[in-house]
Amino acid sequence: MSTSLLVTKMQKAAEKKGIDAKIFATAAGDADNALASNDVNVLLLGPQVRFMLSQFQKKLEGKDIPVDVIDMRSYGMMDGDAVLSQAEKLMN
């Protein structure tokens, strides 16, 4: 539920900045399907699954999709602006 709230806040932050973005969350177990069926520019993992970072880095090797763990403080504060900024930095 907290991840869904963060997605909503990130979407609002993107709209406020005039960014047309599709921001979504999925369970780690369904991430492969989500990656295959969506045009993904960046992948952010929730802090609770940070242990899966290297696994996703290997899966995305050779693809132009940066992956990182959401800053724990930004996640805890549900700071959609900060997490959106983190995603933007990864894409640039």
PDB file of N, CA and C in Angstrom:
ATOM      1  N   MET A   1       0.827  -1.193   0.000  1.00  0.00           N
ATOM      2  CA  MET A   1       0.000   0.000   0.000  1.00  0.00           C
ATOM      3  C   MET A   1       0.870   1.255   0.000  1.00  0.00           C
ATOM      4  N   SER A   2       1.953   1.251   0.766  1.00  0.00           N
ATOM      5  CA  SER A   2       2.803   2.440   0.816  1.00  0.00           C
ATOM      6  C   SER A   2       3.430   2.712  -0.542  1.00  0.00           C
ATOM      7  N   THR A   3       3.770   1.668  -1.288  1.00  0.00           N
ATOM      8  CA  THR A   3       4.361   1.857  -2.607  1.00  0.00           C
ATOM      9  C   THR A   3       3.344   2.488  -3.551  1.00  0.00           C
ATOM     10  N   SER A   4       2.084   2.083  -3.458  1.00  0.00           N
ATOM     11  CA  SER A   4       1.036   2.679  -4.291  1.00  0.00           C
ATOM     12  C   SER A   4       0.870   4.157  -3.986  1.00  0.00           C
ATOM     13  N   LEU A   5       0.965   4.515  -2.722  1.00  0.00           N
ATOM     14  CA  LEU A   5       0.872   5.925  -2.333  1.00  0.00           C
ATOM     15  C   LEU A   5       2.048   6.708  -2.907  1.00  0.00           C
ATOM     16  N   LEU A   6       3.233   6.126  -2.852  1.00  0.00           N
ATOM     17  CA  LEU A   6       4.415   6.788  -3.403  1.00  0.00           C
ATOM     18  C   LEU A   6       4.271   6.977  -4.914  1.00  0.00           C
ATOM     19  N   VAL A   7       3.754   5.976  -5.609  1.00  0.00           N
ATOM     20  CA  VAL A   7       3.533   6.083  -7.054  1.00  0.00           C
ATOM     21  C   VAL A   7       2.589   7.247  -7.356  1.00  0.00           C
ATOM     22  N   THR A   8       1.517   7.360  -6.593  1.00  0.00           N
ATOM     23  CA  THR A   8       0.563   8.455  -6.786  1.00  0.00           C
ATOM     24  C   THR A   8       1.240   9.805  -6.583  1.00  0.00           C
ATOM     25  N   LYS A   9       2.060   9.903  -5.559  1.00  0.00           N
ATOM     26  CA  LYS A   9       2.761  11.164  -5.293  1.00  0.00           C
ATOM     27  C   LYS A   9       3.792  11.472  -6.375  1.00  0.00           C
ATOM     28  N   MET A  10       4.446  10.442  -6.888  1.00  0.00           N
ATOM     29  CA  MET A  10       5.407  10.643  -7.976  1.00  0.00           C
ATOM     30  C   MET A  10       4.684  11.097  -9.246  1.00  0.00           C
ATOM     31  N   GLN A  11       3.526  10.501  -9.531  1.00  0.00           N
ATOM     32  CA  GLN A  11       2.752  10.880 -10.712  1.00  0.00           C
ATOM     33  C   GLN A  11       2.324  12.343 -10.612  1.00  0.00           C
ATOM     34  N   LYS A  12       1.883  12.759  -9.435  1.00  0.00           N
ATOM     35  CA  LYS A  12       1.495  14.161  -9.231  1.00  0.00           C
ATOM     36  C   LYS A  12       2.695  15.087  -9.404  1.00  0.00           C
ATOM     37  N   ALA A  13       3.856  14.671  -8.905  1.00  0.00           N
ATOM     38  CA  ALA A  13       5.076  15.473  -9.060  1.00  0.00           C
ATOM     39  C   ALA A  13       5.444  15.597 -10.535  1.00  0.00           C
ATOM     40  N   ALA A  14       5.296  14.515 -11.285  1.00  0.00           N
ATOM     41  CA  ALA A  14       5.603  14.531 -12.717  1.00  0.00           C
ATOM     42  C   ALA A  14       4.651  15.471 -13.451  1.00  0.00           C
ATOM     43  N   GLU A  15       3.371  15.395 -13.127  1.00  0.00           N
ATOM     44  CA  GLU A  15       2.380  16.272 -13.761  1.00  0.00           C
ATOM     45  C   GLU A  15       2.685  17.735 -13.457  1.00  0.00           C
ATOM     46  N   LYS A  16       3.063  18.002 -12.220  1.00  0.00           N
ATOM     47  CA  LYS A  16       3.397  19.367 -11.807  1.00  0.00           C
ATOM     48  C   LYS A  16       4.582  19.906 -12.604  1.00  0.00           C
ATOM     49  N   LYS A  17       5.525  19.012 -12.953  1.00  0.00           N
ATOM     50  CA  LYS A  17       6.706  19.405 -13.729  1.00  0.00           C
ATOM     51  C   LYS A  17       6.444  19.381 -15.240  1.00  0.00           C
ATOM     52  N   GLY A  18       5.245  18.953 -15.633  1.00  0.00           N
ATOM     53  CA  GLY A  18       4.929  18.851 -17.047  1.00  0.00           C
ATOM     54  C   GLY A  18       5.561  17.644 -17.718  1.00  0.00           C
ATOM     55  N   ILE A  19       5.844  16.620 -16.945  1.00  0.00           N
ATOM     56  CA  ILE A  19       6.459  15.398 -17.466  1.00  0.00           C
ATOM     57  C   ILE A  19       5.366  14.372 -17.740  1.00  0.00           C
ATOM     58  N   ASP A  20       5.328  13.870 -18.959  1.00  0.00           N
ATOM     59  CA  ASP A  20       4.383  12.818 -19.316  1.00  0.00           C
ATOM     60  C   ASP A  20       5.039  11.483 -18.985  1.00  0.00           C
ATOM     61  N   ALA A  21       4.615  10.863 -17.905  1.00  0.00           N
ATOM     62  CA  ALA A  21       5.260   9.637 -17.449  1.00  0.00           C
ATOM     63  C   ALA A  21       4.217   8.616 -17.018  1.00  0.00           C
ATOM     64  N   LYS A  22       4.542   7.366 -17.244  1.00  0.00           N
ATOM     65  CA  LYS A  22       3.739   6.260 -16.719  1.00  0.00           C
ATOM     66  C   LYS A  22       4.551   5.669 -15.575  1.00  0.00           C
ATOM     67  N   ILE A  23       4.095   5.905 -14.374  1.00  0.00           N
ATOM     68  CA  ILE A  23       4.795   5.433 -13.181  1.00  0.00           C
ATOM     69  C   ILE A  23       3.932   4.335 -12.570  1.00  0.00           C
ATOM     70  N   PHE A  24       4.534   3.193 -12.318  1.00  0.00           N
ATOM     71  CA  PHE A  24       3.768   2.088 -11.759  1.00  0.00           C
ATOM     72  C   PHE A  24       4.626   1.270 -10.808  1.00  0.00           C
ATOM     73  N   ALA A  25       3.939   0.517  -9.980  1.00  0.00           N
ATOM     74  CA  ALA A  25       4.611  -0.381  -9.041  1.00  0.00           C
ATOM     75  C   ALA A  25       4.124  -1.795  -9.323  1.00  0.00           C
ATOM     76  N   THR A  26       4.988  -2.741  -9.072  1.00  0.00           N
ATOM     77  CA  THR A  26       4.633  -4.150  -9.221  1.00  0.00           C
ATOM     78  C   THR A  26       5.381  -4.961  -8.174  1.00  0.00           C
ATOM     79  N   ALA A  27       4.860  -6.099  -7.880  1.00  0.00           N
ATOM     80  CA  ALA A  27       5.537  -6.994  -6.936  1.00  0.00           C
ATOM     81  C   ALA A  27       6.836  -7.486  -7.566  1.00  0.00           C
ATOM     82  N   ALA A  28       7.833  -7.724  -6.749  1.00  0.00           N
ATOM     83  CA  ALA A  28       9.126  -8.195  -7.254  1.00  0.00           C
ATOM     84  C   ALA A  28       8.965  -9.477  -8.057  1.00  0.00           C
ATOM     85  N   GLY A  29       8.060 -10.334  -7.648  1.00  0.00           N
ATOM     86  CA  GLY A  29       7.833 -11.592  -8.343  1.00  0.00           C
ATOM     87  C   GLY A  29       7.232 -11.429  -9.731  1.00  0.00           C
ATOM     88  N   ASP A  30       6.613 -10.277  -9.989  1.00  0.00           N
ATOM     89  CA  ASP A  30       5.998 -10.016 -11.292  1.00  0.00           C
ATOM     90  C   ASP A  30       6.810  -9.014 -12.107  1.00  0.00           C
ATOM     91  N   ALA A  31       7.976  -8.649 -11.627  1.00  0.00           N
ATOM     92  CA  ALA A  31       8.787  -7.622 -12.297  1.00  0.00           C
ATOM     93  C   ALA A  31       9.193  -8.026 -13.705  1.00  0.00           C
ATOM     94  N   ASP A  32       9.510  -9.299 -13.925  1.00  0.00           N
ATOM     95  CA  ASP A  32       9.901  -9.741 -15.268  1.00  0.00           C
ATOM     96  C   ASP A  32       8.776  -9.488 -16.271  1.00  0.00           C
ATOM     97  N   ASN A  33       7.539  -9.803 -15.886  1.00  0.00           N
ATOM     98  CA  ASN A  33       6.392  -9.556 -16.759  1.00  0.00           C
ATOM     99  C   ASN A  33       6.199  -8.063 -17.009  1.00  0.00           C
ATOM    100  N   ALA A  34       6.345  -7.273 -15.959  1.00  0.00           N
ATOM    101  CA  ALA A  34       6.182  -5.828 -16.097  1.00  0.00           C
ATOM    102  C   ALA A  34       7.250  -5.235 -17.010  1.00  0.00           C
ATOM    103  N   LEU A  35       8.472  -5.713 -16.890  1.00  0.00           N
ATOM    104  CA  LEU A  35       9.553  -5.230 -17.745  1.00  0.00           C
ATOM    105  C   LEU A  35       9.323  -5.626 -19.206  1.00  0.00           C
ATOM    106  N   ALA A  36       8.765  -6.804 -19.424  1.00  0.00           N
ATOM    107  CA  ALA A  36       8.531  -7.288 -20.783  1.00  0.00           C
ATOM    108  C   ALA A  36       7.336  -6.598 -21.448  1.00  0.00           C
ATOM    109  N   SER A  37       6.367  -6.176 -20.665  1.00  0.00           N
ATOM    110  CA  SER A  37       5.138  -5.635 -21.254  1.00  0.00           C
ATOM    111  C   SER A  37       5.021  -4.112 -21.180  1.00  0.00           C
ATOM    112  N   ASN A  38       6.034  -3.438 -20.676  1.00  0.00           N
ATOM    113  CA  ASN A  38       6.009  -1.976 -20.569  1.00  0.00           C
ATOM    114  C   ASN A  38       7.295  -1.391 -21.123  1.00  0.00           C
ATOM    115  N   ASP A  39       7.195  -0.177 -21.619  1.00  0.00           N
ATOM    116  CA  ASP A  39       8.372   0.559 -22.066  1.00  0.00           C
ATOM    117  C   ASP A  39       8.976   1.214 -20.825  1.00  0.00           C
ATOM    118  N   VAL A  40      10.035   0.634 -20.295  1.00  0.00           N
ATOM    119  CA  VAL A  40      10.613   1.068 -19.023  1.00  0.00           C
ATOM    120  C   VAL A  40      11.898   1.855 -19.267  1.00  0.00           C
ATOM    121  N   ASN A  41      11.965   3.048 -18.654  1.00  0.00           N
ATOM    122  CA  ASN A  41      13.154   3.889 -18.777  1.00  0.00           C
ATOM    123  C   ASN A  41      14.066   3.802 -17.566  1.00  0.00           C
ATOM    124  N   VAL A  42      13.500   3.454 -16.414  1.00  0.00           N
ATOM    125  CA  VAL A  42      14.271   3.345 -15.182  1.00  0.00           C
ATOM    126  C   VAL A  42      13.520   2.404 -14.240  1.00  0.00           C
ATOM    127  N   LEU A  43      14.274   1.660 -13.444  1.00  0.00           N
ATOM    128  CA  LEU A  43      13.677   0.740 -12.480  1.00  0.00           C
ATOM    129  C   LEU A  43      14.180   1.115 -11.095  1.00  0.00           C
ATOM    130  N   LEU A  44      13.252   1.410 -10.211  1.00  0.00           N
ATOM    131  CA  LEU A  44      13.591   1.720  -8.823  1.00  0.00           C
ATOM    132  C   LEU A  44      13.005   0.636  -7.931  1.00  0.00           C
ATOM    133  N   LEU A  45      13.838   0.104  -7.075  1.00  0.00           N
ATOM    134  CA  LEU A  45      13.409  -0.917  -6.127  1.00  0.00           C
ATOM    135  C   LEU A  45      13.099  -0.274  -4.778  1.00  0.00           C
ATOM    136  N   GLY A  46      12.066  -0.778  -4.118  1.00  0.00           N
ATOM    137  CA  GLY A  46      11.775  -0.314  -2.773  1.00  0.00           C
ATOM    138  C   GLY A  46      12.872  -0.755  -1.824  1.00  0.00           C
ATOM    139  N   PRO A  47      13.114   0.021  -0.778  1.00  0.00           N
ATOM    140  CA  PRO A  47      14.173  -0.329   0.175  1.00  0.00           C
ATOM    141  C   PRO A  47      14.010  -1.725   0.773  1.00  0.00           C
ATOM    142  N   GLN A  48      12.782  -2.202   0.866  1.00  0.00           N
ATOM    143  CA  GLN A  48      12.529  -3.515   1.455  1.00  0.00           C
ATOM    144  C   GLN A  48      13.030  -4.664   0.579  1.00  0.00           C
ATOM    145  N   VAL A  49      13.318  -4.392  -0.704  1.00  0.00           N
ATOM    146  CA  VAL A  49      13.861  -5.435  -1.587  1.00  0.00           C
ATOM    147  C   VAL A  49      15.239  -5.049  -2.123  1.00  0.00           C
ATOM    148  N   ARG A  50      15.946  -4.238  -1.383  1.00  0.00           N
ATOM    149  CA  ARG A  50      17.292  -3.802  -1.808  1.00  0.00           C
ATOM    150  C   ARG A  50      18.228  -4.986  -2.044  1.00  0.00           C
ATOM    151  N   PHE A  51      17.971  -6.087  -1.365  1.00  0.00           N
ATOM    152  CA  PHE A  51      18.802  -7.281  -1.536  1.00  0.00           C
ATOM    153  C   PHE A  51      18.704  -7.852  -2.959  1.00  0.00           C
ATOM    154  N   MET A  52      17.715  -7.428  -3.739  1.00  0.00           N
ATOM    155  CA  MET A  52      17.524  -7.911  -5.109  1.00  0.00           C
ATOM    156  C   MET A  52      18.213  -7.026  -6.153  1.00  0.00           C
ATOM    157  N   LEU A  53      18.907  -5.982  -5.710  1.00  0.00           N
ATOM    158  CA  LEU A  53      19.519  -5.038  -6.648  1.00  0.00           C
ATOM    159  C   LEU A  53      20.448  -5.731  -7.638  1.00  0.00           C
ATOM    160  N   SER A  54      21.371  -6.545  -7.161  1.00  0.00           N
ATOM    161  CA  SER A  54      22.324  -7.184  -8.070  1.00  0.00           C
ATOM    162  C   SER A  54      21.616  -8.127  -9.046  1.00  0.00           C
ATOM    163  N   GLN A  55      20.567  -8.765  -8.595  1.00  0.00           N
ATOM    164  CA  GLN A  55      19.784  -9.656  -9.461  1.00  0.00           C
ATOM    165  C   GLN A  55      19.177  -8.861 -10.625  1.00  0.00           C
ATOM    166  N   PHE A  56      18.606  -7.688 -10.330  1.00  0.00           N
ATOM    167  CA  PHE A  56      18.011  -6.878 -11.384  1.00  0.00           C
ATOM    168  C   PHE A  56      19.076  -6.233 -12.268  1.00  0.00           C
ATOM    169  N   GLN A  57      20.197  -5.886 -11.687  1.00  0.00           N
ATOM    170  CA  GLN A  57      21.287  -5.343 -12.505  1.00  0.00           C
ATOM    171  C   GLN A  57      21.734  -6.369 -13.539  1.00  0.00           C
ATOM    172  N   LYS A  58      21.825  -7.628 -13.145  1.00  0.00           N
ATOM    173  CA  LYS A  58      22.209  -8.701 -14.080  1.00  0.00           C
ATOM    174  C   LYS A  58      21.140  -8.893 -15.151  1.00  0.00           C
ATOM    175  N   LYS A  59      19.875  -8.878 -14.753  1.00  0.00           N
ATOM    176  CA  LYS A  59      18.778  -9.055 -15.703  1.00  0.00           C
ATOM    177  C   LYS A  59      18.755  -7.944 -16.755  1.00  0.00           C
ATOM    178  N   LEU A  60      19.139  -6.748 -16.343  1.00  0.00           N
ATOM    179  CA  LEU A  60      19.053  -5.593 -17.234  1.00  0.00           C
ATOM    180  C   LEU A  60      20.375  -5.278 -17.927  1.00  0.00           C
ATOM    181  N   GLU A  61      21.372  -6.132 -17.731  1.00  0.00           N
ATOM    182  CA  GLU A  61      22.673  -5.945 -18.365  1.00  0.00           C
ATOM    183  C   GLU A  61      22.503  -5.862 -19.880  1.00  0.00           C
ATOM    184  N   GLY A  62      23.125  -4.871 -20.494  1.00  0.00           N
ATOM    185  CA  GLY A  62      23.037  -4.706 -21.936  1.00  0.00           C
ATOM    186  C   GLY A  62      21.817  -3.936 -22.393  1.00  0.00           C
ATOM    187  N   LYS A  63      20.909  -3.639 -21.485  1.00  0.00           N
ATOM    188  CA  LYS A  63      19.732  -2.830 -21.803  1.00  0.00           C
ATOM    189  C   LYS A  63      19.979  -1.442 -21.240  1.00  0.00           C
ATOM    190  N   ASP A  64      19.366  -0.479 -21.827  1.00  0.00           N
ATOM    191  CA  ASP A  64      19.561   0.904 -21.386  1.00  0.00           C
ATOM    192  C   ASP A  64      18.525   1.266 -20.321  1.00  0.00           C
ATOM    193  N   ILE A  65      18.485   0.460 -19.255  1.00  0.00           N
ATOM    194  CA  ILE A  65      17.537   0.698 -18.160  1.00  0.00           C
ATOM    195  C   ILE A  65      18.320   0.758 -16.858  1.00  0.00           C
ATOM    196  N   PRO A  66      18.544   1.966 -16.343  1.00  0.00           N
ATOM    197  CA  PRO A  66      19.238   2.063 -15.059  1.00  0.00           C
ATOM    198  C   PRO A  66      18.357   1.520 -13.932  1.00  0.00           C
ATOM    199  N   VAL A  67      18.996   0.973 -12.921  1.00  0.00           N
ATOM    200  CA  VAL A  67      18.279   0.414 -11.780  1.00  0.00           C
ATOM    201  C   VAL A  67      18.985   0.833 -10.491  1.00  0.00           C
ATOM    202  N   ASP A  68      18.191   1.162  -9.484  1.00  0.00           N
ATOM    203  CA  ASP A  68      18.739   1.552  -8.188  1.00  0.00           C
ATOM    204  C   ASP A  68      17.673   1.316  -7.131  1.00  0.00           C
ATOM    205  N   VAL A  69      18.055   1.484  -5.888  1.00  0.00           N
ATOM    206  CA  VAL A  69      17.141   1.365  -4.752  1.00  0.00           C
ATOM    207  C   VAL A  69      16.683   2.769  -4.375  1.00  0.00           C
ATOM    208  N   ILE A  70      15.398   2.917  -4.125  1.00  0.00           N
ATOM    209  CA  ILE A  70      14.847   4.201  -3.699  1.00  0.00           C
ATOM    210  C   ILE A  70      15.498   4.594  -2.375  1.00  0.00           C
ATOM    211  N   ASP A  71      15.894   5.849  -2.294  1.00  0.00           N
ATOM    212  CA  ASP A  71      16.454   6.371  -1.060  1.00  0.00           C
ATOM    213  C   ASP A  71      15.481   6.098   0.092  1.00  0.00           C
ATOM    214  N   MET A  72      16.004   5.469   1.151  1.00  0.00           N
ATOM    215  CA  MET A  72      15.156   5.045   2.260  1.00  0.00           C
ATOM    216  C   MET A  72      14.414   6.208   2.920  1.00  0.00           C
ATOM    217  N   ARG A  73      15.087   7.311   3.063  1.00  0.00           N
ATOM    218  CA  ARG A  73      14.441   8.474   3.695  1.00  0.00           C
ATOM    219  C   ARG A  73      13.303   8.999   2.830  1.00  0.00           C
ATOM    220  N   SER A  74      13.555   9.124   1.530  1.00  0.00           N
ATOM    221  CA  SER A  74      12.513   9.596   0.607  1.00  0.00           C
ATOM    222  C   SER A  74      11.336   8.637   0.589  1.00  0.00           C
ATOM    223  N   TYR A  75      11.628   7.336   0.632  1.00  0.00           N
ATOM    224  CA  TYR A  75      10.569   6.331   0.662  1.00  0.00           C
ATOM    225  C   TYR A  75       9.753   6.462   1.952  1.00  0.00           C
ATOM    226  N   GLY A  76      10.439   6.556   3.062  1.00  0.00           N
ATOM    227  CA  GLY A  76       9.761   6.660   4.350  1.00  0.00           C
ATOM    228  C   GLY A  76       8.910   7.910   4.488  1.00  0.00           C
ATOM    229  N   MET A  77       9.375   8.994   3.875  1.00  0.00           N
ATOM    230  CA  MET A  77       8.637  10.265   3.924  1.00  0.00           C
ATOM    231  C   MET A  77       7.571  10.339   2.819  1.00  0.00           C
ATOM    232  N   MET A  78       7.537   9.318   1.952  1.00  0.00           N
ATOM    233  CA  MET A  78       6.620   9.306   0.805  1.00  0.00           C
ATOM    234  C   MET A  78       6.791  10.577  -0.020  1.00  0.00           C
ATOM    235  N   ASP A  79       8.060  10.923  -0.255  1.00  0.00           N
ATOM    236  CA  ASP A  79       8.419  12.151  -0.968  1.00  0.00           C
ATOM    237  C   ASP A  79       8.481  11.867  -2.476  1.00  0.00           C
ATOM    238  N   GLY A  80       7.342  12.018  -3.125  1.00  0.00           N
ATOM    239  CA  GLY A  80       7.243  11.750  -4.558  1.00  0.00           C
ATOM    240  C   GLY A  80       8.166  12.617  -5.384  1.00  0.00           C
ATOM    241  N   ASP A  81       8.343  13.884  -4.991  1.00  0.00           N
ATOM    242  CA  ASP A  81       9.241  14.785  -5.720  1.00  0.00           C
ATOM    243  C   ASP A  81      10.678  14.275  -5.683  1.00  0.00           C
ATOM    244  N   ALA A  82      11.132  13.858  -4.510  1.00  0.00           N
ATOM    245  CA  ALA A  82      12.515  13.397  -4.361  1.00  0.00           C
ATOM    246  C   ALA A  82      12.757  12.097  -5.125  1.00  0.00           C
ATOM    247  N   VAL A  83      11.803  11.186  -5.079  1.00  0.00           N
ATOM    248  CA  VAL A  83      11.982   9.907  -5.773  1.00  0.00           C
ATOM    249  C   VAL A  83      11.917  10.121  -7.285  1.00  0.00           C
ATOM    250  N   LEU A  84      11.054  11.010  -7.736  1.00  0.00           N
ATOM    251  CA  LEU A  84      11.013  11.357  -9.160  1.00  0.00           C
ATOM    252  C   LEU A  84      12.349  11.952  -9.586  1.00  0.00           C
ATOM    253  N   SER A  85      12.900  12.822  -8.772  1.00  0.00           N
ATOM    254  CA  SER A  85      14.214  13.416  -9.076  1.00  0.00           C
ATOM    255  C   SER A  85      15.294  12.343  -9.138  1.00  0.00           C
ATOM    256  N   GLN A  86      15.230  11.366  -8.249  1.00  0.00           N
ATOM    257  CA  GLN A  86      16.189  10.264  -8.270  1.00  0.00           C
ATOM    258  C   GLN A  86      16.080   9.514  -9.600  1.00  0.00           C
ATOM    259  N   ALA A  87      14.862   9.254 -10.042  1.00  0.00           N
ATOM    260  CA  ALA A  87      14.659   8.560 -11.312  1.00  0.00           C
ATOM    261  C   ALA A  87      15.180   9.386 -12.480  1.00  0.00           C
ATOM    262  N   GLU A  88      14.931  10.694 -12.464  1.00  0.00           N
ATOM    263  CA  GLU A  88      15.402  11.568 -13.534  1.00  0.00           C
ATOM    264  C   GLU A  88      16.931  11.577 -13.612  1.00  0.00           C
ATOM    265  N   LYS A  89      17.585  11.636 -12.454  1.00  0.00           N
ATOM    266  CA  LYS A  89      19.054  11.621 -12.434  1.00  0.00           C
ATOM    267  C   LYS A  89      19.601  10.329 -13.018  1.00  0.00           C
ATOM    268  N   LEU A  90      18.960   9.216 -12.719  1.00  0.00           N
ATOM    269  CA  LEU A  90      19.406   7.933 -13.247  1.00  0.00           C
ATOM    270  C   LEU A  90      19.269   7.874 -14.771  1.00  0.00           C
ATOM    271  N   MET A  91      18.257   8.521 -15.292  1.00  0.00           N
ATOM    272  CA  MET A  91      18.013   8.490 -16.738  1.00  0.00           C
ATOM    273  C   MET A  91      18.942   9.417 -17.492  1.00  0.00           C
ATOM    274  N   ASN A  92      19.527  10.397 -16.804  1.00  0.00           N
ATOM    275  CA  ASN A  92      20.391  11.379 -17.494  1.00  0.00           C
ATOM    276  C   ASN A  92      21.819  11.013 -17.440  1.00  0.00           C
TER     277      ASN A  92
END
